[in-house]
Amino acid sequence: MASRFTELTVDCHDPERLSAFWCEVLDFKVIDRRAGQVEIGSWEPTVEDIRAGQMPPTVVFIQVPEDKTAKNRLHLDVSPIDRSTEDEVSRLLGLGATRTDVGQGPDRNWVVLADPEGNEFCVVRTLAP
């Protein structure tokens, strides 16, 4: 048996604020909350479900004291499902994302944004019909 990808962990200053932002971006909900930690997901994971097959990972925001100091080596890509990429970028900017430049150049088919704590992520092709 192999391991399962169960969580993606994000270090941050304010887990409540960042989890609220990402819940809006991904249409996730808070599934666990502890001191200095918030977990969000699209489902309530159980050990049995995880063992049975690959399930969508959750995202865990953990409070840390240090600041982000460099470009992320790992980042999320999101694809809008019910609107154009441009319309989704506008929605995310309204939620608190900012445009950022990580050296991607002007002629790309994705848009690089940063969440409220500066973590880069990309908005890629739309999946809307």
N, C-alpha and C. Protein backbone atom coordinates (compact mmCIF):
# COMPACT_ATOMS: atom_id res chain seq x y z
N MET A 1 0.85 -1.18 0.00
CA MET A 1 0.00 0.00 0.00
C MET A 1 0.88 1.23 0.00
N ALA A 2 0.44 2.26 -0.67
CA ALA A 2 1.15 3.53 -0.74
C ALA A 2 0.61 4.51 0.28
N SER A 3 1.29 5.64 0.40
CA SER A 3 0.78 6.73 1.23
C SER A 3 -0.28 7.50 0.46
N ARG A 4 -1.05 8.31 1.15
CA ARG A 4 -2.07 9.16 0.55
C ARG A 4 -1.72 10.62 0.80
N PHE A 5 -1.99 11.47 -0.19
CA PHE A 5 -1.85 12.91 -0.04
C PHE A 5 -3.11 13.37 0.67
N THR A 6 -2.99 13.73 1.96
CA THR A 6 -4.18 14.03 2.76
C THR A 6 -4.34 15.50 3.09
N GLU A 7 -3.25 16.24 3.26
CA GLU A 7 -3.34 17.66 3.60
C GLU A 7 -2.22 18.42 2.91
N LEU A 8 -2.52 19.66 2.60
CA LEU A 8 -1.51 20.64 2.20
C LEU A 8 -1.47 21.65 3.34
N THR A 9 -0.29 21.88 3.91
CA THR A 9 -0.16 22.77 5.05
C THR A 9 0.45 24.10 4.62
N VAL A 10 -0.14 25.18 5.09
CA VAL A 10 0.32 26.53 4.77
C VAL A 10 0.68 27.23 6.08
N ASP A 11 1.93 27.64 6.22
CA ASP A 11 2.34 28.46 7.36
C ASP A 11 1.80 29.87 7.15
N CYS A 12 1.35 30.50 8.21
CA CYS A 12 0.79 31.85 8.08
C CYS A 12 0.76 32.54 9.44
N HIS A 13 0.49 33.84 9.42
CA HIS A 13 0.33 34.60 10.66
C HIS A 13 -1.08 34.48 11.23
N ASP A 14 -2.09 34.46 10.35
CA ASP A 14 -3.48 34.52 10.79
C ASP A 14 -4.29 33.40 10.13
N PRO A 15 -4.31 32.22 10.73
CA PRO A 15 -5.04 31.09 10.13
C PRO A 15 -6.53 31.36 9.90
N GLU A 16 -7.16 32.11 10.78
CA GLU A 16 -8.59 32.40 10.60
C GLU A 16 -8.83 33.23 9.34
N ARG A 17 -8.05 34.28 9.18
CA ARG A 17 -8.21 35.16 8.01
C ARG A 17 -7.89 34.42 6.72
N LEU A 18 -6.77 33.68 6.72
CA LEU A 18 -6.36 33.02 5.49
C LEU A 18 -7.30 31.87 5.14
N SER A 19 -7.77 31.13 6.13
CA SER A 19 -8.72 30.05 5.84
C SER A 19 -10.04 30.62 5.31
N ALA A 20 -10.47 31.75 5.82
CA ALA A 20 -11.70 32.38 5.31
C ALA A 20 -11.54 32.77 3.85
N PHE A 21 -10.37 33.34 3.51
CA PHE A 21 -10.10 33.70 2.11
C PHE A 21 -10.17 32.46 1.22
N TRP A 22 -9.46 31.40 1.60
CA TRP A 22 -9.40 30.20 0.76
C TRP A 22 -10.73 29.46 0.73
N CYS A 23 -11.53 29.53 1.80
CA CYS A 23 -12.88 28.95 1.75
C CYS A 23 -13.70 29.63 0.65
N GLU A 24 -13.58 30.93 0.54
CA GLU A 24 -14.30 31.66 -0.51
C GLU A 24 -13.76 31.32 -1.90
N VAL A 25 -12.45 31.22 -2.02
CA VAL A 25 -11.84 30.90 -3.32
C VAL A 25 -12.29 29.53 -3.80
N LEU A 26 -12.22 28.53 -2.92
CA LEU A 26 -12.42 27.14 -3.31
C LEU A 26 -13.81 26.58 -3.01
N ASP A 27 -14.67 27.37 -2.38
CA ASP A 27 -15.97 26.89 -1.92
C ASP A 27 -15.79 25.71 -0.96
N PHE A 28 -14.82 25.84 -0.06
CA PHE A 28 -14.56 24.87 0.99
C PHE A 28 -15.23 25.36 2.27
N LYS A 29 -15.21 24.52 3.29
CA LYS A 29 -15.71 24.90 4.60
C LYS A 29 -14.67 24.52 5.65
N VAL A 30 -14.76 25.15 6.81
CA VAL A 30 -13.88 24.80 7.92
C VAL A 30 -14.33 23.44 8.44
N ILE A 31 -13.38 22.50 8.52
CA ILE A 31 -13.71 21.17 9.02
C ILE A 31 -13.03 20.86 10.36
N ASP A 32 -12.06 21.69 10.75
CA ASP A 32 -11.43 21.52 12.06
C ASP A 32 -10.78 22.83 12.46
N ARG A 33 -10.85 23.12 13.73
CA ARG A 33 -10.27 24.36 14.25
C ARG A 33 -9.66 24.05 15.61
N ARG A 34 -8.39 24.41 15.76
CA ARG A 34 -7.68 24.26 17.04
C ARG A 34 -6.90 25.53 17.28
N ALA A 35 -6.27 25.65 18.42
CA ALA A 35 -5.46 26.84 18.72
C ALA A 35 -4.37 27.00 17.66
N GLY A 36 -4.40 28.12 16.94
CA GLY A 36 -3.37 28.40 15.94
C GLY A 36 -3.44 27.56 14.69
N GLN A 37 -4.57 26.91 14.44
CA GLN A 37 -4.68 26.02 13.28
C GLN A 37 -6.12 25.94 12.80
N VAL A 38 -6.30 26.02 11.48
CA VAL A 38 -7.63 25.85 10.88
C VAL A 38 -7.46 24.94 9.67
N GLU A 39 -8.34 23.93 9.57
CA GLU A 39 -8.33 23.02 8.42
C GLU A 39 -9.61 23.23 7.62
N ILE A 40 -9.45 23.32 6.29
CA ILE A 40 -10.60 23.49 5.41
C ILE A 40 -10.61 22.36 4.37
N GLY A 41 -11.80 22.08 3.86
CA GLY A 41 -11.89 21.05 2.85
C GLY A 41 -13.24 21.04 2.19
N SER A 42 -13.35 20.20 1.17
CA SER A 42 -14.61 20.05 0.45
C SER A 42 -15.41 18.88 0.98
N TRP A 43 -14.84 18.15 1.95
CA TRP A 43 -15.48 16.98 2.52
C TRP A 43 -14.92 16.74 3.91
N GLU A 44 -15.61 15.94 4.70
CA GLU A 44 -15.15 15.57 6.04
C GLU A 44 -14.38 14.26 5.93
N PRO A 45 -13.05 14.30 6.02
CA PRO A 45 -12.28 13.07 5.82
C PRO A 45 -12.46 12.07 6.96
N THR A 46 -12.50 10.81 6.59
CA THR A 46 -12.46 9.73 7.57
C THR A 46 -11.31 8.81 7.19
N VAL A 47 -10.77 8.12 8.14
CA VAL A 47 -9.67 7.19 7.86
C VAL A 47 -10.12 6.14 6.84
N GLU A 48 -11.35 5.67 6.97
CA GLU A 48 -11.86 4.63 6.07
C GLU A 48 -11.93 5.13 4.63
N ASP A 49 -12.45 6.35 4.43
CA ASP A 49 -12.52 6.92 3.08
C ASP A 49 -11.13 7.09 2.48
N ILE A 50 -10.19 7.58 3.29
CA ILE A 50 -8.84 7.81 2.80
C ILE A 50 -8.17 6.49 2.42
N ARG A 51 -8.33 5.48 3.25
CA ARG A 51 -7.74 4.17 2.93
C ARG A 51 -8.35 3.57 1.68
N ALA A 52 -9.65 3.82 1.45
CA ALA A 52 -10.35 3.23 0.32
C ALA A 52 -9.90 3.79 -1.03
N GLY A 53 -9.38 5.01 -1.07
CA GLY A 53 -8.98 5.58 -2.35
C GLY A 53 -8.49 6.99 -2.21
N GLN A 54 -7.98 7.51 -3.31
CA GLN A 54 -7.49 8.88 -3.32
C GLN A 54 -8.67 9.83 -3.17
N MET A 55 -8.62 10.66 -2.16
CA MET A 55 -9.66 11.64 -1.90
C MET A 55 -9.04 13.03 -2.00
N PRO A 56 -9.83 14.05 -2.24
CA PRO A 56 -9.26 15.40 -2.31
C PRO A 56 -8.58 15.77 -1.00
N PRO A 57 -7.37 16.34 -1.06
CA PRO A 57 -6.71 16.75 0.18
C PRO A 57 -7.40 17.95 0.80
N THR A 58 -7.18 18.13 2.08
CA THR A 58 -7.63 19.31 2.79
C THR A 58 -6.47 20.31 2.82
N VAL A 59 -6.77 21.53 3.27
CA VAL A 59 -5.73 22.55 3.43
C VAL A 59 -5.73 22.97 4.89
N VAL A 60 -4.55 22.94 5.49
CA VAL A 60 -4.39 23.28 6.90
C VAL A 60 -3.55 24.54 7.01
N PHE A 61 -4.06 25.53 7.72
CA PHE A 61 -3.34 26.78 7.95
C PHE A 61 -2.84 26.78 9.39
N ILE A 62 -1.52 26.89 9.54
CA ILE A 62 -0.89 26.82 10.86
C ILE A 62 -0.18 28.14 11.15
N GLN A 63 -0.46 28.67 12.31
CA GLN A 63 0.15 29.94 12.72
C GLN A 63 1.63 29.75 13.02
N VAL A 64 2.45 30.61 12.41
CA VAL A 64 3.90 30.63 12.67
C VAL A 64 4.32 32.08 12.88
N PRO A 65 5.43 32.31 13.59
CA PRO A 65 5.84 33.69 13.86
C PRO A 65 6.60 34.36 12.71
N GLU A 66 7.27 33.58 11.87
CA GLU A 66 8.12 34.19 10.85
C GLU A 66 7.31 34.63 9.63
N ASP A 67 7.86 35.62 8.91
CA ASP A 67 7.26 36.13 7.68
C ASP A 67 7.66 35.26 6.50
N LYS A 68 6.86 35.32 5.45
CA LYS A 68 7.22 34.72 4.17
C LYS A 68 8.35 35.58 3.59
N THR A 69 9.41 34.95 3.09
CA THR A 69 10.57 35.73 2.65
C THR A 69 10.96 35.50 1.20
N ALA A 70 10.39 34.52 0.53
CA ALA A 70 10.79 34.23 -0.85
C ALA A 70 9.60 33.69 -1.63
N LYS A 71 9.77 33.59 -2.94
CA LYS A 71 8.76 33.00 -3.81
C LYS A 71 8.48 31.58 -3.36
N ASN A 72 7.20 31.19 -3.40
CA ASN A 72 6.82 29.82 -3.04
C ASN A 72 7.48 28.82 -3.98
N ARG A 73 7.98 27.73 -3.45
CA ARG A 73 8.49 26.64 -4.29
C ARG A 73 7.35 25.71 -4.70
N LEU A 74 6.27 25.74 -3.96
CA LEU A 74 5.08 24.95 -4.24
C LEU A 74 3.91 25.92 -4.18
N HIS A 75 2.99 25.83 -5.14
CA HIS A 75 1.85 26.73 -5.10
C HIS A 75 0.61 26.03 -5.66
N LEU A 76 -0.53 26.60 -5.40
CA LEU A 76 -1.80 26.09 -5.91
C LEU A 76 -2.11 26.71 -7.25
N ASP A 77 -2.73 25.94 -8.13
CA ASP A 77 -3.35 26.44 -9.35
C ASP A 77 -4.85 26.24 -9.18
N VAL A 78 -5.63 27.25 -9.52
CA VAL A 78 -7.08 27.13 -9.46
C VAL A 78 -7.66 27.39 -10.84
N SER A 79 -8.73 26.67 -11.16
CA SER A 79 -9.42 26.81 -12.44
C SER A 79 -10.87 27.18 -12.18
N PRO A 80 -11.33 28.31 -12.70
CA PRO A 80 -12.74 28.66 -12.51
C PRO A 80 -13.64 27.64 -13.19
N ILE A 81 -14.77 27.33 -12.57
CA ILE A 81 -15.67 26.32 -13.13
C ILE A 81 -16.94 26.90 -13.73
N ASP A 82 -17.22 28.18 -13.45
CA ASP A 82 -18.49 28.74 -13.91
C ASP A 82 -18.36 30.14 -14.49
N ARG A 83 -17.13 30.53 -14.83
CA ARG A 83 -16.91 31.87 -15.39
C ARG A 83 -15.56 31.88 -16.12
N SER A 84 -15.29 32.96 -16.79
CA SER A 84 -14.01 33.08 -17.50
C SER A 84 -12.87 33.27 -16.50
N THR A 85 -11.67 33.04 -16.96
CA THR A 85 -10.49 33.26 -16.12
C THR A 85 -10.43 34.72 -15.69
N GLU A 86 -10.71 35.64 -16.61
CA GLU A 86 -10.66 37.07 -16.29
C GLU A 86 -11.69 37.43 -15.22
N ASP A 87 -12.90 36.87 -15.34
CA ASP A 87 -13.93 37.15 -14.33
C ASP A 87 -13.55 36.57 -12.98
N GLU A 88 -12.90 35.41 -12.97
CA GLU A 88 -12.48 34.80 -11.71
C GLU A 88 -11.37 35.63 -11.07
N VAL A 89 -10.44 36.12 -11.88
CA VAL A 89 -9.39 36.99 -11.34
C VAL A 89 -10.01 38.21 -10.68
N SER A 90 -11.00 38.81 -11.31
CA SER A 90 -11.68 39.96 -10.72
C SER A 90 -12.34 39.60 -9.39
N ARG A 91 -12.98 38.44 -9.34
CA ARG A 91 -13.63 37.99 -8.09
C ARG A 91 -12.58 37.80 -6.98
N LEU A 92 -11.48 37.17 -7.32
CA LEU A 92 -10.44 36.91 -6.31
C LEU A 92 -9.77 38.19 -5.84
N LEU A 93 -9.58 39.14 -6.73
CA LEU A 93 -9.05 40.44 -6.32
C LEU A 93 -10.01 41.11 -5.34
N GLY A 94 -11.30 40.96 -5.57
CA GLY A 94 -12.30 41.50 -4.66
C GLY A 94 -12.30 40.83 -3.29
N LEU A 95 -11.84 39.59 -3.22
CA LEU A 95 -11.75 38.86 -1.95
C LEU A 95 -10.50 39.21 -1.17
N GLY A 96 -9.55 39.91 -1.81
CA GLY A 96 -8.33 40.27 -1.10
C GLY A 96 -7.04 39.78 -1.73
N ALA A 97 -7.13 39.07 -2.85
CA ALA A 97 -5.92 38.66 -3.56
C ALA A 97 -5.28 39.90 -4.20
N THR A 98 -4.02 39.79 -4.54
CA THR A 98 -3.32 40.86 -5.26
C THR A 98 -2.57 40.24 -6.42
N ARG A 99 -2.39 41.05 -7.46
CA ARG A 99 -1.56 40.60 -8.59
C ARG A 99 -0.11 40.61 -8.15
N THR A 100 0.66 39.65 -8.64
CA THR A 100 2.07 39.60 -8.28
C THR A 100 2.89 39.12 -9.47
N ASP A 101 4.13 39.49 -9.47
CA ASP A 101 5.05 39.12 -10.56
C ASP A 101 6.13 38.22 -9.98
N VAL A 102 6.19 37.00 -10.48
CA VAL A 102 7.23 36.06 -10.09
C VAL A 102 8.15 35.75 -11.27
N GLY A 103 8.12 36.66 -12.27
CA GLY A 103 8.94 36.47 -13.46
C GLY A 103 8.24 35.71 -14.56
N GLN A 104 6.90 35.67 -14.51
CA GLN A 104 6.14 34.87 -15.47
C GLN A 104 6.09 35.49 -16.87
N GLY A 105 6.37 36.78 -17.00
CA GLY A 105 6.31 37.42 -18.31
C GLY A 105 4.89 37.77 -18.69
N PRO A 106 4.73 38.60 -19.73
CA PRO A 106 3.40 39.12 -20.07
C PRO A 106 2.52 38.19 -20.91
N ASP A 107 3.08 37.27 -21.64
CA ASP A 107 2.30 36.47 -22.58
C ASP A 107 2.06 35.06 -22.08
N ARG A 108 1.36 34.95 -20.98
CA ARG A 108 1.06 33.64 -20.40
C ARG A 108 -0.45 33.43 -20.40
N ASN A 109 -0.86 32.17 -20.38
CA ASN A 109 -2.30 31.88 -20.33
C ASN A 109 -2.75 31.59 -18.90
N TRP A 110 -2.03 32.13 -17.93
CA TRP A 110 -2.43 32.07 -16.53
C TRP A 110 -2.12 33.41 -15.88
N VAL A 111 -2.72 33.63 -14.72
CA VAL A 111 -2.53 34.88 -13.98
C VAL A 111 -1.99 34.51 -12.60
N VAL A 112 -0.91 35.17 -12.20
CA VAL A 112 -0.33 34.92 -10.88
C VAL A 112 -0.88 35.95 -9.90
N LEU A 113 -1.45 35.43 -8.82
CA LEU A 113 -1.98 36.27 -7.74
C LEU A 113 -1.30 35.84 -6.44
N ALA A 114 -1.50 36.64 -5.41
CA ALA A 114 -1.05 36.29 -4.06
C ALA A 114 -2.24 36.40 -3.12
N ASP A 115 -2.31 35.48 -2.16
CA ASP A 115 -3.37 35.54 -1.16
C ASP A 115 -3.06 36.67 -0.16
N PRO A 116 -3.91 36.93 0.80
CA PRO A 116 -3.69 38.06 1.71
C PRO A 116 -2.38 38.02 2.51
N GLU A 117 -1.72 36.87 2.59
CA GLU A 117 -0.42 36.81 3.28
C GLU A 117 0.74 36.68 2.30
N GLY A 118 0.47 36.85 1.00
CA GLY A 118 1.54 36.89 0.01
C GLY A 118 1.91 35.56 -0.62
N ASN A 119 1.15 34.50 -0.35
CA ASN A 119 1.42 33.20 -0.96
C ASN A 119 0.92 33.21 -2.40
N GLU A 120 1.83 32.96 -3.34
CA GLU A 120 1.45 32.99 -4.74
C GLU A 120 0.58 31.79 -5.12
N PHE A 121 -0.34 32.04 -6.05
CA PHE A 121 -1.13 30.99 -6.67
C PHE A 121 -1.49 31.44 -8.06
N CYS A 122 -1.86 30.51 -8.92
CA CYS A 122 -2.17 30.83 -10.31
C CYS A 122 -3.63 30.55 -10.61
N VAL A 123 -4.22 31.43 -11.40
CA VAL A 123 -5.54 31.19 -11.97
C VAL A 123 -5.28 30.76 -13.41
N VAL A 124 -5.66 29.52 -13.72
CA VAL A 124 -5.37 28.96 -15.03
C VAL A 124 -6.64 28.85 -15.85
N ARG A 125 -6.63 28.03 -16.86
CA ARG A 125 -7.74 27.94 -17.82
C ARG A 125 -9.09 27.73 -17.13
N THR A 126 -10.10 28.30 -17.73
CA THR A 126 -11.45 28.10 -17.21
C THR A 126 -11.95 26.71 -17.58
N LEU A 127 -12.75 26.14 -16.70
CA LEU A 127 -13.42 24.87 -16.97
C LEU A 127 -14.91 25.06 -17.22
N ALA A 128 -15.30 26.34 -17.37
CA ALA A 128 -16.71 26.65 -17.61
C ALA A 128 -17.11 26.15 -18.99
N PRO A 129 -18.36 25.69 -19.13
CA PRO A 129 -18.83 25.23 -20.46
C PRO A 129 -18.83 26.36 -21.47
